[in-house]
Amino acid sequence: ISSCIVCPDDADRLDVFVISIEPCPRNFVLLQKHAEELGWVTEGWLGLQAAISDVAGEADLAFSDKSSVDETATLLFKQGDRRKVHRVNVTTVDGVLSTASKLHP
């Protein structure tokens, strides 16, 4: 899983720890940019570039490159779908929580 971990030195004193999960590469770059611009750095933030499923591994993600933000990307695309496909990491909810608990016990 590609991740961008932004965690202040005093993370153990935070009441809130935000986890953002985004499989689409272009959307993830925008997510990282917003995290930096909006000061999530000081709040405790974990960004994961991955998809969520019941089984961890890799999968093909169909996405549209026609807009600046893709809100229709999916792992569940049908054969014959003409969108571009990108191989992405897939994690489970347990995997996300495990990663987060190592950073914010």
Protein backbone atom coordinates (compact mmCIF):
# COMPACT_ATOMS: atom_id res chain seq x y z
CA ILE A 1 0.00 0.00 0.00
CA SER A 2 1.36 3.38 -0.92
CA SER A 3 0.82 5.76 1.93
CA CYS A 4 1.42 9.33 2.84
CA ILE A 5 1.63 9.49 6.58
CA VAL A 6 1.42 12.89 8.16
CA CYS A 7 1.56 12.65 11.89
CA PRO A 8 2.70 15.41 14.26
CA ASP A 9 5.20 14.69 17.01
CA ASP A 10 2.47 14.84 19.64
CA ALA A 11 0.16 12.32 17.88
CA ASP A 12 -0.29 10.37 21.10
CA ARG A 13 -2.24 13.35 22.50
CA LEU A 14 -4.63 13.70 19.57
CA ASP A 15 -8.32 13.03 20.04
CA VAL A 16 -8.94 12.50 16.33
CA PHE A 17 -6.94 10.64 13.72
CA VAL A 18 -8.24 10.90 10.14
CA ILE A 19 -7.71 8.15 7.59
CA SER A 20 -8.24 8.91 3.89
CA ILE A 21 -8.36 6.05 1.39
CA GLU A 22 -8.13 6.75 -2.33
CA PRO A 23 -7.17 4.22 -5.03
CA CYS A 24 -7.16 6.52 -8.07
CA PRO A 25 -3.62 7.88 -8.56
CA ARG A 26 -4.69 11.35 -9.77
CA ASN A 27 -7.22 11.73 -6.95
CA PHE A 28 -4.60 10.63 -4.40
CA VAL A 29 -2.20 13.35 -5.59
CA LEU A 30 -4.99 15.92 -5.07
CA LEU A 31 -5.73 14.46 -1.65
CA GLN A 32 -2.09 14.84 -0.62
CA LYS A 33 -2.04 18.42 -1.93
CA HIS A 34 -5.16 19.34 0.06
CA ALA A 35 -3.74 17.69 3.18
CA GLU A 36 -0.68 19.91 2.95
CA GLU A 37 -2.55 23.09 2.01
CA LEU A 38 -5.27 22.70 4.64
CA GLY A 39 -2.99 21.86 7.53
CA TRP A 40 -4.00 18.27 8.12
CA VAL A 41 -0.31 17.88 8.96
CA THR A 42 -0.97 19.38 12.37
CA GLU A 43 -4.08 17.30 13.03
CA GLY A 44 -2.91 13.73 12.49
CA TRP A 45 -3.68 12.27 9.08
CA LEU A 46 -3.04 8.99 7.28
CA GLY A 47 -3.54 8.88 3.53
CA LEU A 48 -3.56 5.47 1.88
CA GLN A 49 -3.40 4.99 -1.87
CA ALA A 50 -5.38 1.77 -2.03
CA ALA A 51 -8.79 0.30 -2.65
CA ILE A 52 -10.85 -1.46 0.02
CA SER A 53 -12.16 -4.99 -0.37
CA ASP A 54 -12.69 -8.13 1.67
CA VAL A 55 -9.37 -9.57 0.41
CA ALA A 56 -6.02 -7.76 0.26
CA GLY A 57 -3.88 -7.88 -2.87
CA GLU A 58 -4.02 -6.07 -6.19
CA ALA A 59 -6.82 -5.34 -8.64
CA ASP A 60 -7.56 -3.41 -11.80
CA LEU A 61 -9.25 -0.05 -11.28
CA ALA A 62 -11.21 1.40 -14.20
CA PHE A 63 -11.10 5.19 -14.19
CA SER A 64 -11.94 8.15 -16.36
CA ASP A 65 -9.29 10.67 -17.28
CA LYS A 66 -11.84 13.13 -18.70
CA SER A 67 -12.27 15.18 -15.52
CA SER A 68 -9.87 16.58 -12.94
CA VAL A 69 -11.40 14.41 -10.19
CA ASP A 70 -12.68 10.92 -10.94
CA GLU A 71 -15.74 10.03 -8.90
CA THR A 72 -16.63 6.96 -10.94
CA ALA A 73 -13.51 4.82 -10.60
CA THR A 74 -14.39 1.22 -9.80
CA LEU A 75 -12.95 -2.23 -9.30
CA LEU A 76 -16.29 -3.67 -10.44
CA PHE A 77 -16.21 -2.68 -14.09
CA LYS A 78 -17.73 -4.82 -16.84
CA GLN A 79 -15.88 -6.42 -19.69
CA GLY A 80 -15.88 -4.01 -22.61
CA ASP A 81 -15.64 -0.92 -20.36
CA ARG A 82 -13.62 1.59 -22.39
CA ARG A 83 -12.13 3.48 -19.47
CA LYS A 84 -8.43 3.28 -18.72
CA VAL A 85 -7.38 0.61 -16.24
CA HIS A 86 -4.71 1.01 -13.57
CA ARG A 87 -3.39 -1.73 -11.28
CA VAL A 88 -3.91 -0.71 -7.63
CA ASN A 89 -3.17 -2.07 -4.20
CA VAL A 90 -6.15 -3.45 -2.33
CA THR A 91 -6.40 -3.63 1.44
CA THR A 92 -9.05 -4.63 3.93
CA VAL A 93 -10.62 -2.59 6.69
CA ASP A 94 -8.57 -4.65 9.14
CA GLY A 95 -5.43 -3.76 7.16
CA VAL A 96 -6.25 -0.06 7.34
CA LEU A 97 -6.91 -0.22 11.08
CA SER A 98 -3.70 -2.19 11.63
CA THR A 99 -1.66 0.45 9.77
CA ALA A 100 -3.37 3.27 11.65
CA SER A 101 -2.97 1.64 15.07
CA LYS A 102 0.80 1.40 14.55
CA LEU A 103 0.86 5.18 14.10
CA HIS A 104 -1.78 6.15 16.63
CA PRO A 105 -2.12 3.45 19.31
